Amino acid sequence: MALKEHAPGIKDTDKPYQCAHTIIKSHAKAYHVYNSTYKPSQEGVVGITLDTAWFEPANPNSTLDVTASERALQFYVRNF
């Protein structure tokens, strides 16, 4: 069941840029905390990984497969 709620508790699914902005800001804060507090002793690195999915039709010449892959992509993006 999708709650259609994204960080930071935004329930309007038409606000993906605001959600992405919040994610990037939180990553930046975590980076700065790590860089100033832990990196001197751990000598580690910080990166970011964003989840994504992509769907391709099993048969690109099949209208049914093309429609199904597009529907899967739209479902994933809207419900993520």
PDB file of N, CA and C in Angstrom:
ATOM      1  N   MET A   1       0.843  -1.182   0.000  1.00  0.00           N
ATOM      2  CA  MET A   1       0.000   0.000   0.000  1.00  0.00           C
ATOM      3  C   MET A   1       0.885   1.242   0.000  1.00  0.00           C
ATOM      4  N   ALA A   2       0.717   2.091  -0.970  1.00  0.00           N
ATOM      5  CA  ALA A   2       1.497   3.324  -1.052  1.00  0.00           C
ATOM      6  C   ALA A   2       0.809   4.414  -0.245  1.00  0.00           C
ATOM      7  N   LEU A   3       1.568   5.062   0.596  1.00  0.00           N
ATOM      8  CA  LEU A   3       1.024   6.150   1.406  1.00  0.00           C
ATOM      9  C   LEU A   3       1.046   7.474   0.668  1.00  0.00           C
ATOM     10  N   LYS A   4       1.777   7.510  -0.451  1.00  0.00           N
ATOM     11  CA  LYS A   4       1.947   8.753  -1.211  1.00  0.00           C
ATOM     12  C   LYS A   4       2.463   9.858  -0.308  1.00  0.00           C
ATOM     13  N   GLU A   5       3.413   9.504   0.511  1.00  0.00           N
ATOM     14  CA  GLU A   5       4.032  10.455   1.417  1.00  0.00           C
ATOM     15  C   GLU A   5       5.532  10.392   1.225  1.00  0.00           C
ATOM     16  N   HIS A   6       6.132  11.496   1.007  1.00  0.00           N
ATOM     17  CA  HIS A   6       7.566  11.577   0.762  1.00  0.00           C
ATOM     18  C   HIS A   6       8.212  12.489   1.795  1.00  0.00           C
ATOM     19  N   ALA A   7       9.514  12.387   1.898  1.00  0.00           N
ATOM     20  CA  ALA A   7      10.259  13.245   2.830  1.00  0.00           C
ATOM     21  C   ALA A   7      10.038  14.692   2.453  1.00  0.00           C
ATOM     22  N   PRO A   8       9.866  15.565   3.362  1.00  0.00           N
ATOM     23  CA  PRO A   8       9.686  15.412   4.816  1.00  0.00           C
ATOM     24  C   PRO A   8       8.208  15.383   5.185  1.00  0.00           C
ATOM     25  N   GLY A   9       7.544  14.346   4.862  1.00  0.00           N
ATOM     26  CA  GLY A   9       6.117  14.219   5.159  1.00  0.00           C
ATOM     27  C   GLY A   9       5.244  14.929   4.146  1.00  0.00           C
ATOM     28  N   ILE A  10       5.748  15.144   2.947  1.00  0.00           N
ATOM     29  CA  ILE A  10       4.980  15.825   1.899  1.00  0.00           C
ATOM     30  C   ILE A  10       4.004  14.828   1.297  1.00  0.00           C
ATOM     31  N   LYS A  11       2.742  15.141   1.333  1.00  0.00           N
ATOM     32  CA  LYS A  11       1.723  14.226   0.832  1.00  0.00           C
ATOM     33  C   LYS A  11       1.298  14.549  -0.590  1.00  0.00           C
ATOM     34  N   ASP A  12       1.709  15.680  -1.101  1.00  0.00           N
ATOM     35  CA  ASP A  12       1.362  16.088  -2.460  1.00  0.00           C
ATOM     36  C   ASP A  12       2.384  15.483  -3.420  1.00  0.00           C
ATOM     37  N   THR A  13       1.972  14.500  -4.210  1.00  0.00           N
ATOM     38  CA  THR A  13       2.913  13.824  -5.098  1.00  0.00           C
ATOM     39  C   THR A  13       3.339  14.690  -6.274  1.00  0.00           C
ATOM     40  N   ASP A  14       2.800  15.889  -6.389  1.00  0.00           N
ATOM     41  CA  ASP A  14       3.239  16.805  -7.437  1.00  0.00           C
ATOM     42  C   ASP A  14       4.427  17.645  -6.985  1.00  0.00           C
ATOM     43  N   LYS A  15       5.030  17.314  -5.850  1.00  0.00           N
ATOM     44  CA  LYS A  15       6.135  18.093  -5.306  1.00  0.00           C
ATOM     45  C   LYS A  15       7.453  17.315  -5.309  1.00  0.00           C
ATOM     46  N   PRO A  16       7.794  16.596  -6.368  1.00  0.00           N
ATOM     47  CA  PRO A  16       9.013  15.780  -6.333  1.00  0.00           C
ATOM     48  C   PRO A  16      10.281  16.608  -6.186  1.00  0.00           C
ATOM     49  N   TYR A  17      10.300  17.835  -6.712  1.00  0.00           N
ATOM     50  CA  TYR A  17      11.505  18.650  -6.605  1.00  0.00           C
ATOM     51  C   TYR A  17      11.744  19.081  -5.168  1.00  0.00           C
ATOM     52  N   GLN A  18      10.683  19.372  -4.439  1.00  0.00           N
ATOM     53  CA  GLN A  18      10.828  19.732  -3.031  1.00  0.00           C
ATOM     54  C   GLN A  18      11.367  18.536  -2.247  1.00  0.00           C
ATOM     55  N   CYS A  19      10.902  17.349  -2.569  1.00  0.00           N
ATOM     56  CA  CYS A  19      11.393  16.141  -1.909  1.00  0.00           C
ATOM     57  C   CYS A  19      12.864  15.928  -2.226  1.00  0.00           C
ATOM     58  N   ALA A  20      13.231  16.045  -3.498  1.00  0.00           N
ATOM     59  CA  ALA A  20      14.628  15.868  -3.900  1.00  0.00           C
ATOM     60  C   ALA A  20      15.513  16.909  -3.225  1.00  0.00           C
ATOM     61  N   HIS A  21      15.042  18.120  -3.124  1.00  0.00           N
ATOM     62  CA  HIS A  21      15.791  19.196  -2.468  1.00  0.00           C
ATOM     63  C   HIS A  21      16.063  18.841  -1.007  1.00  0.00           C
ATOM     64  N   THR A  22      15.058  18.329  -0.323  1.00  0.00           N
ATOM     65  CA  THR A  22      15.212  17.939   1.076  1.00  0.00           C
ATOM     66  C   THR A  22      16.202  16.784   1.220  1.00  0.00           C
ATOM     67  N   ILE A  23      16.144  15.820   0.321  1.00  0.00           N
ATOM     68  CA  ILE A  23      17.074  14.700   0.364  1.00  0.00           C
ATOM     69  C   ILE A  23      18.509  15.198   0.178  1.00  0.00           C
ATOM     70  N   ILE A  24      18.723  16.075  -0.768  1.00  0.00           N
ATOM     71  CA  ILE A  24      20.070  16.597  -1.030  1.00  0.00           C
ATOM     72  C   ILE A  24      20.571  17.414   0.163  1.00  0.00           C
ATOM     73  N   LYS A  25      19.697  18.225   0.750  1.00  0.00           N
ATOM     74  CA  LYS A  25      20.103  19.003   1.929  1.00  0.00           C
ATOM     75  C   LYS A  25      20.476  18.095   3.096  1.00  0.00           C
ATOM     76  N   SER A  26      19.708  17.023   3.307  1.00  0.00           N
ATOM     77  CA  SER A  26      20.020  16.120   4.412  1.00  0.00           C
ATOM     78  C   SER A  26      21.324  15.383   4.143  1.00  0.00           C
ATOM     79  N   HIS A  27      21.574  15.040   2.897  1.00  0.00           N
ATOM     80  CA  HIS A  27      22.845  14.401   2.549  1.00  0.00           C
ATOM     81  C   HIS A  27      24.004  15.350   2.811  1.00  0.00           C
ATOM     82  N   ALA A  28      23.851  16.605   2.443  1.00  0.00           N
ATOM     83  CA  ALA A  28      24.906  17.593   2.671  1.00  0.00           C
ATOM     84  C   ALA A  28      25.197  17.741   4.162  1.00  0.00           C
ATOM     85  N   LYS A  29      24.146  17.761   4.970  1.00  0.00           N
ATOM     86  CA  LYS A  29      24.350  17.877   6.423  1.00  0.00           C
ATOM     87  C   LYS A  29      25.098  16.654   6.958  1.00  0.00           C
ATOM     88  N   ALA A  30      24.699  15.457   6.517  1.00  0.00           N
ATOM     89  CA  ALA A  30      25.377  14.233   6.957  1.00  0.00           C
ATOM     90  C   ALA A  30      26.838  14.256   6.514  1.00  0.00           C
ATOM     91  N   TYR A  31      27.088  14.715   5.309  1.00  0.00           N
ATOM     92  CA  TYR A  31      28.464  14.811   4.819  1.00  0.00           C
ATOM     93  C   TYR A  31      29.301  15.723   5.711  1.00  0.00           C
ATOM     94  N   HIS A  32      28.777  16.892   6.032  1.00  0.00           N
ATOM     95  CA  HIS A  32      29.532  17.845   6.858  1.00  0.00           C
ATOM     96  C   HIS A  32      29.793  17.295   8.257  1.00  0.00           C
ATOM     97  N   VAL A  33      28.817  16.606   8.821  1.00  0.00           N
ATOM     98  CA  VAL A  33      29.025  15.986  10.144  1.00  0.00           C
ATOM     99  C   VAL A  33      30.137  14.943  10.045  1.00  0.00           C
ATOM    100  N   TYR A  34      30.068  14.087   9.040  1.00  0.00           N
ATOM    101  CA  TYR A  34      31.098  13.061   8.885  1.00  0.00           C
ATOM    102  C   TYR A  34      32.458  13.700   8.647  1.00  0.00           C
ATOM    103  N   ASN A  35      32.502  14.667   7.743  1.00  0.00           N
ATOM    104  CA  ASN A  35      33.767  15.289   7.365  1.00  0.00           C
ATOM    105  C   ASN A  35      34.455  15.950   8.557  1.00  0.00           C
ATOM    106  N   SER A  36      33.690  16.596   9.413  1.00  0.00           N
ATOM    107  CA  SER A  36      34.307  17.311  10.535  1.00  0.00           C
ATOM    108  C   SER A  36      34.521  16.438  11.774  1.00  0.00           C
ATOM    109  N   THR A  37      33.706  15.409  11.959  1.00  0.00           N
ATOM    110  CA  THR A  37      33.765  14.614  13.183  1.00  0.00           C
ATOM    111  C   THR A  37      34.499  13.288  13.025  1.00  0.00           C
ATOM    112  N   TYR A  38      34.236  12.569  11.951  1.00  0.00           N
ATOM    113  CA  TYR A  38      34.738  11.202  11.832  1.00  0.00           C
ATOM    114  C   TYR A  38      35.855  10.996  10.814  1.00  0.00           C
ATOM    115  N   LYS A  39      35.892  11.806   9.772  1.00  0.00           N
ATOM    116  CA  LYS A  39      36.878  11.586   8.717  1.00  0.00           C
ATOM    117  C   LYS A  39      38.323  11.670   9.215  1.00  0.00           C
ATOM    118  N   PRO A  40      38.650  12.599  10.115  1.00  0.00           N
ATOM    119  CA  PRO A  40      40.048  12.652  10.569  1.00  0.00           C
ATOM    120  C   PRO A  40      40.557  11.325  11.151  1.00  0.00           C
ATOM    121  N   SER A  41      39.701  10.598  11.848  1.00  0.00           N
ATOM    122  CA  SER A  41      40.158   9.337  12.435  1.00  0.00           C
ATOM    123  C   SER A  41      39.860   8.126  11.544  1.00  0.00           C
ATOM    124  N   GLN A  42      38.782   8.180  10.769  1.00  0.00           N
ATOM    125  CA  GLN A  42      38.400   7.022   9.957  1.00  0.00           C
ATOM    126  C   GLN A  42      38.945   7.076   8.532  1.00  0.00           C
ATOM    127  N   GLU A  43      39.234   8.277   8.066  1.00  0.00           N
ATOM    128  CA  GLU A  43      39.740   8.497   6.711  1.00  0.00           C
ATOM    129  C   GLU A  43      38.838   7.876   5.643  1.00  0.00           C
ATOM    130  N   GLY A  44      37.526   7.939   5.860  1.00  0.00           N
ATOM    131  CA  GLY A  44      36.565   7.370   4.917  1.00  0.00           C
ATOM    132  C   GLY A  44      36.107   8.375   3.887  1.00  0.00           C
ATOM    133  N   VAL A  45      35.201   7.930   3.058  1.00  0.00           N
ATOM    134  CA  VAL A  45      34.595   8.789   2.041  1.00  0.00           C
ATOM    135  C   VAL A  45      33.079   8.691   2.160  1.00  0.00           C
ATOM    136  N   VAL A  46      32.396   9.702   1.680  1.00  0.00           N
ATOM    137  CA  VAL A  46      30.935   9.741   1.711  1.00  0.00           C
ATOM    138  C   VAL A  46      30.451   9.898   0.274  1.00  0.00           C
ATOM    139  N   GLY A  47      29.431   9.142  -0.074  1.00  0.00           N
ATOM    140  CA  GLY A  47      28.830   9.249  -1.399  1.00  0.00           C
ATOM    141  C   GLY A  47      27.323   9.207  -1.260  1.00  0.00           C
ATOM    142  N   ILE A  48      26.637   9.335  -2.361  1.00  0.00           N
ATOM    143  CA  ILE A  48      25.180   9.283  -2.338  1.00  0.00           C
ATOM    144  C   ILE A  48      24.719   8.276  -3.391  1.00  0.00           C
ATOM    145  N   THR A  49      23.713   7.519  -3.035  1.00  0.00           N
ATOM    146  CA  THR A  49      23.115   6.558  -3.954  1.00  0.00           C
ATOM    147  C   THR A  49      21.621   6.834  -4.001  1.00  0.00           C
ATOM    148  N   LEU A  50      21.108   7.038  -5.179  1.00  0.00           N
ATOM    149  CA  LEU A  50      19.688   7.281  -5.356  1.00  0.00           C
ATOM    150  C   LEU A  50      19.074   6.071  -6.045  1.00  0.00           C
ATOM    151  N   ASP A  51      17.948   5.634  -5.550  1.00  0.00           N
ATOM    152  CA  ASP A  51      17.274   4.472  -6.108  1.00  0.00           C
ATOM    153  C   ASP A  51      16.505   4.878  -7.356  1.00  0.00           C
ATOM    154  N   THR A  52      16.608   4.061  -8.360  1.00  0.00           N
ATOM    155  CA  THR A  52      15.846   4.296  -9.570  1.00  0.00           C
ATOM    156  C   THR A  52      15.534   2.952 -10.234  1.00  0.00           C
ATOM    157  N   ALA A  53      14.608   2.959 -11.080  1.00  0.00           N
ATOM    158  CA  ALA A  53      14.266   1.742 -11.829  1.00  0.00           C
ATOM    159  C   ALA A  53      13.944   2.149 -13.257  1.00  0.00           C
ATOM    160  N   TRP A  54      14.161   1.234 -14.156  1.00  0.00           N
ATOM    161  CA  TRP A  54      13.830   1.493 -15.550  1.00  0.00           C
ATOM    162  C   TRP A  54      13.234   0.229 -16.134  1.00  0.00           C
ATOM    163  N   PHE A  55      12.239   0.366 -16.934  1.00  0.00           N
ATOM    164  CA  PHE A  55      11.548  -0.776 -17.517  1.00  0.00           C
ATOM    165  C   PHE A  55      11.586  -0.679 -19.029  1.00  0.00           C
ATOM    166  N   GLU A  56      11.963  -1.757 -19.670  1.00  0.00           N
ATOM    167  CA  GLU A  56      11.998  -1.853 -21.127  1.00  0.00           C
ATOM    168  C   GLU A  56      11.017  -2.939 -21.563  1.00  0.00           C
ATOM    169  N   PRO A  57      10.403  -2.758 -22.710  1.00  0.00           N
ATOM    170  CA  PRO A  57       9.506  -3.807 -23.195  1.00  0.00           C
ATOM    171  C   PRO A  57      10.294  -5.064 -23.567  1.00  0.00           C
ATOM    172  N   ALA A  58       9.708  -6.230 -23.286  1.00  0.00           N
ATOM    173  CA  ALA A  58      10.341  -7.488 -23.671  1.00  0.00           C
ATOM    174  C   ALA A  58      10.509  -7.530 -25.186  1.00  0.00           C
ATOM    175  N   ASN A  59       9.515  -7.040 -25.888  1.00  0.00           N
ATOM    176  CA  ASN A  59       9.563  -6.971 -27.347  1.00  0.00           C
ATOM    177  C   ASN A  59       9.231  -5.533 -27.742  1.00  0.00           C
ATOM    178  N   PRO A  60      10.235  -4.748 -28.184  1.00  0.00           N
ATOM    179  CA  PRO A  60       9.975  -3.347 -28.517  1.00  0.00           C
ATOM    180  C   PRO A  60       9.035  -3.145 -29.706  1.00  0.00           C
ATOM    181  N   ASN A  61       8.754  -4.207 -30.433  1.00  0.00           N
ATOM    182  CA  ASN A  61       7.829  -4.115 -31.567  1.00  0.00           C
ATOM    183  C   ASN A  61       6.393  -4.448 -31.175  1.00  0.00           C
ATOM    184  N   SER A  62       6.206  -4.816 -29.924  1.00  0.00           N
ATOM    185  CA  SER A  62       4.870  -5.174 -29.442  1.00  0.00           C
ATOM    186  C   SER A  62       4.242  -3.982 -28.723  1.00  0.00           C
ATOM    187  N   THR A  63       3.120  -3.526 -29.241  1.00  0.00           N
ATOM    188  CA  THR A  63       2.408  -2.418 -28.592  1.00  0.00           C
ATOM    189  C   THR A  63       2.033  -2.781 -27.160  1.00  0.00           C
ATOM    190  N   LEU A  64       1.650  -4.017 -26.947  1.00  0.00           N
ATOM    191  CA  LEU A  64       1.279  -4.480 -25.604  1.00  0.00           C
ATOM    192  C   LEU A  64       2.470  -4.395 -24.641  1.00  0.00           C
ATOM    193  N   ASP A  65       3.650  -4.845 -25.092  1.00  0.00           N
ATOM    194  CA  ASP A  65       4.850  -4.795 -24.249  1.00  0.00           C
ATOM    195  C   ASP A  65       5.296  -3.357 -23.979  1.00  0.00           C
ATOM    196  N   VAL A  66       5.236  -2.514 -24.999  1.00  0.00           N
ATOM    197  CA  VAL A  66       5.623  -1.111 -24.843  1.00  0.00           C
ATOM    198  C   VAL A  66       4.698  -0.431 -23.844  1.00  0.00           C
ATOM    199  N   THR A  67       3.400  -0.669 -23.971  1.00  0.00           N
ATOM    200  CA  THR A  67       2.418  -0.093 -23.038  1.00  0.00           C
ATOM    201  C   THR A  67       2.647  -0.608 -21.621  1.00  0.00           C
ATOM    202  N   ALA A  68       2.939  -1.900 -21.490  1.00  0.00           N
ATOM    203  CA  ALA A  68       3.162  -2.484 -20.164  1.00  0.00           C
ATOM    204  C   ALA A  68       4.406  -1.898 -19.512  1.00  0.00           C
ATOM    205  N   SER A  69       5.478  -1.719 -20.259  1.00  0.00           N
ATOM    206  CA  SER A  69       6.698  -1.162 -19.673  1.00  0.00           C
ATOM    207  C   SER A  69       6.487   0.296 -19.271  1.00  0.00           C
ATOM    208  N   GLU A  70       5.756   1.048 -20.064  1.00  0.00           N
ATOM    209  CA  GLU A  70       5.449   2.442 -19.716  1.00  0.00           C
ATOM    210  C   GLU A  70       4.583   2.501 -18.460  1.00  0.00           C
ATOM    211  N   ARG A  71       3.594   1.620 -18.367  1.00  0.00           N
ATOM    212  CA  ARG A  71       2.727   1.566 -17.195  1.00  0.00           C
ATOM    213  C   ARG A  71       3.540   1.204 -15.942  1.00  0.00           C
ATOM    214  N   ALA A  72       4.462   0.257 -16.072  1.00  0.00           N
ATOM    215  CA  ALA A  72       5.316  -0.133 -14.938  1.00  0.00           C
ATOM    216  C   ALA A  72       6.178   1.035 -14.479  1.00  0.00           C
ATOM    217  N   LEU A  73       6.739   1.764 -15.419  1.00  0.00           N
ATOM    218  CA  LEU A  73       7.557   2.927 -15.076  1.00  0.00           C
ATOM    219  C   LEU A  73       6.721   3.988 -14.367  1.00  0.00           C
ATOM    220  N   GLN A  74       5.552   4.289 -14.899  1.00  0.00           N
ATOM    221  CA  GLN A  74       4.681   5.289 -14.281  1.00  0.00           C
ATOM    222  C   GLN A  74       4.237   4.840 -12.883  1.00  0.00           C
ATOM    223  N   PHE A  75       3.927   3.580 -12.721  1.00  0.00           N
ATOM    224  CA  PHE A  75       3.526   3.064 -11.418  1.00  0.00           C
ATOM    225  C   PHE A  75       4.663   3.191 -10.416  1.00  0.00           C
ATOM    226  N   TYR A  76       5.876   2.835 -10.830  1.00  0.00           N
ATOM    227  CA  TYR A  76       7.026   2.890  -9.927  1.00  0.00           C
ATOM    228  C   TYR A  76       7.309   4.332  -9.514  1.00  0.00           C
ATOM    229  N   VAL A  77       7.349   5.230 -10.489  1.00  0.00           N
ATOM    230  CA  VAL A  77       7.677   6.634 -10.200  1.00  0.00           C
ATOM    231  C   VAL A  77       6.610   7.274  -9.316  1.00  0.00           C
ATOM    232  N   ARG A  78       5.359   7.029  -9.579  1.00  0.00           N
ATOM    233  CA  ARG A  78       4.277   7.632  -8.800  1.00  0.00           C
ATOM    234  C   ARG A  78       4.162   7.069  -7.398  1.00  0.00           C
ATOM    235  N   ASN A  79       4.572   5.818  -7.197  1.00  0.00           N
ATOM    236  CA  ASN A  79       4.407   5.175  -5.912  1.00  0.00           C
ATOM    237  C   ASN A  79       5.679   5.069  -5.112  1.00  0.00           C
ATOM    238  N   PHE A  80       6.735   5.623  -5.600  1.00  0.00           N
ATOM    239  CA  PHE A  80       8.000   5.541  -4.879  1.00  0.00           C
ATOM    240  C   PHE A  80       8.017   6.520  -3.751  1.00  0.00           C
TER     241      PHE A  80
END
